Protein backbone atom coordinates (compact mmCIF):
# COMPACT_ATOMS: atom_id res chain seq x y z
CA MET A 1 -28.49 122.83 -8.93
CA ASN A 2 -29.86 125.23 -7.08
CA ALA A 3 -33.50 125.71 -5.02
CA GLU A 4 -34.76 128.29 -8.32
CA LYS A 5 -35.70 125.13 -9.71
CA PHE A 6 -37.26 123.04 -7.42
CA GLU A 7 -41.66 123.49 -7.54
CA ASN A 8 -43.71 123.06 -4.82
CA GLY A 9 -46.69 120.23 -5.98
CA ILE A 10 -47.88 116.78 -4.57
CA VAL A 11 -46.53 114.02 -4.38
CA TYR A 12 -48.55 110.79 -4.13
CA GLU A 13 -48.26 106.88 -3.09
CA VAL A 14 -50.05 104.57 -4.42
CA THR A 15 -49.34 100.67 -2.29
CA VAL A 16 -51.08 97.98 -3.38
CA GLY A 17 -51.40 94.58 -2.50
CA LEU A 18 -51.26 91.12 -5.04
CA PHE A 19 -53.26 89.11 -2.98
CA ASP A 20 -56.88 88.01 -4.32
CA GLN A 21 -59.61 89.72 -2.05
CA LYS A 22 -61.51 86.79 -2.39
CA SER A 23 -58.98 83.84 -2.56
CA LYS A 24 -56.55 86.12 -0.12
CA LYS A 25 -54.00 84.47 -2.18
CA GLN A 26 -51.70 85.14 -5.50
CA GLU A 27 -53.62 84.66 -8.58
CA ILE A 28 -51.58 87.51 -11.15
CA LYS A 29 -47.30 86.71 -11.36
CA THR A 30 -45.78 89.05 -10.05
CA ALA A 31 -44.21 90.41 -13.56
CA ASP A 32 -47.38 90.33 -15.22
CA ALA A 33 -48.98 92.45 -12.28
CA LEU A 34 -45.77 94.01 -13.04
CA GLU A 35 -46.12 95.07 -16.07
CA ALA A 36 -50.23 95.80 -15.87
CA VAL A 37 -49.20 98.27 -13.47
CA THR A 38 -46.30 99.87 -15.42
CA ARG A 39 -48.84 99.85 -18.70
CA TYR A 40 -51.16 101.81 -16.15
CA VAL A 41 -48.42 104.56 -14.74
CA ILE A 42 -47.39 105.02 -18.30
CA ASP A 43 -51.10 105.30 -19.71
CA HIS A 44 -52.76 107.23 -16.57
CA CYS A 45 -49.19 109.00 -15.27
CA GLY A 46 -47.00 109.10 -17.83
CA GLY A 47 -44.39 107.64 -15.96
CA GLY A 48 -43.19 107.21 -12.05
CA THR A 49 -41.18 105.39 -9.99
CA ILE A 50 -42.61 101.29 -8.86
CA THR A 51 -41.20 99.74 -6.45
CA MET A 52 -41.70 96.47 -4.54
CA GLY A 53 -42.51 95.93 -1.05
CA ASN A 54 -43.91 93.49 1.76
CA GLY A 55 -47.73 94.68 3.56
CA VAL A 56 -49.94 93.38 5.82
CA TYR A 57 -53.93 93.65 5.88
CA THR A 58 -56.71 93.65 8.09
CA HIS A 59 -59.69 92.28 4.66
CA GLU A 60 -62.82 94.04 6.09
CA ASP A 61 -64.35 90.00 7.04
CA GLY A 62 -60.84 89.93 9.05
CA THR A 63 -58.44 88.22 7.29
CA VAL A 64 -55.05 88.60 8.39
CA VAL A 65 -52.43 88.32 5.07
CA VAL A 66 -49.03 88.94 4.38
CA GLU A 67 -48.71 89.85 0.76
CA PRO A 68 -46.50 91.37 -1.81
CA SER A 69 -47.08 95.00 -2.81
CA ILE A 70 -46.73 97.60 -6.02
CA ILE A 71 -45.52 100.73 -4.65
CA ILE A 72 -45.28 103.50 -6.90
CA LYS A 73 -44.14 107.47 -6.13
CA ILE A 74 -45.60 109.27 -9.42
CA VAL A 75 -45.19 113.40 -8.82
CA GLY A 76 -46.92 116.91 -10.96
CA VAL A 77 -50.08 114.79 -12.96
CA LYS A 78 -53.12 115.55 -11.69
CA PHE A 79 -55.85 113.91 -8.74
CA ASP A 80 -57.57 112.32 -11.20
CA ASP A 81 -55.29 110.75 -12.87
CA ILE A 82 -54.25 109.04 -9.66
CA GLY A 83 -57.96 108.33 -9.13
CA LYS A 84 -57.80 106.49 -12.92
CA LEU A 85 -54.67 104.47 -12.07
CA VAL A 86 -56.19 103.12 -8.70
CA ASP A 87 -59.55 102.56 -10.43
CA ASP A 88 -58.13 100.28 -13.30
CA ILE A 89 -55.14 98.19 -10.74
CA LYS A 90 -58.48 97.50 -8.30
CA VAL A 91 -60.16 96.08 -11.67
CA PHE A 92 -56.71 94.50 -13.02
CA LEU A 93 -56.00 92.41 -9.17
CA ASN A 94 -59.18 92.53 -7.39
CA GLN A 95 -58.31 94.26 -4.74
CA GLU A 96 -60.48 95.73 -2.16
CA SER A 97 -58.48 98.59 -1.03
CA VAL A 98 -55.88 100.45 -3.00
CA LEU A 99 -54.36 102.68 -0.41
CA VAL A 100 -52.97 106.51 -1.57
CA GLU A 101 -51.22 108.38 0.02
CA MET A 102 -50.63 112.32 -0.85
CA SER A 103 -48.37 114.98 0.81
CA GLY A 104 -47.08 118.60 -0.02
CA LYS A 105 -43.58 118.38 -1.20
CA SER A 106 -40.36 120.38 -3.28
CA TYR A 107 -38.88 119.01 -6.30
CA CYS A 108 -36.85 118.98 -9.23
CA PHE A 109 -35.70 116.94 -12.03
CA VAL A 110 -32.43 117.03 -11.97
CA GLU A 111 -30.76 117.33 -15.79
């Protein structure tokens, strides 16, 4: 591996909780949520890294929840693709919001 193979680009990280915005509890099983999110990532971005985490979220009404969350890291796509991904995830999981982070980084795929 050498530094010449690195590209400069945007790395996106999308984090979505699994609790429904109305009931404030998990309505969709984790395995089903992961399956759907994986499908959306493939359809809109071609791939990414998907992991699980735990998050704390304060709803607009002030209710605080601690919930399982899906974290997706994606490189080499357009911002519009991330927007489509997030739109589908928000609808499927009935989310009030989804966190999207973007940062400029150097990266490469080592073959």
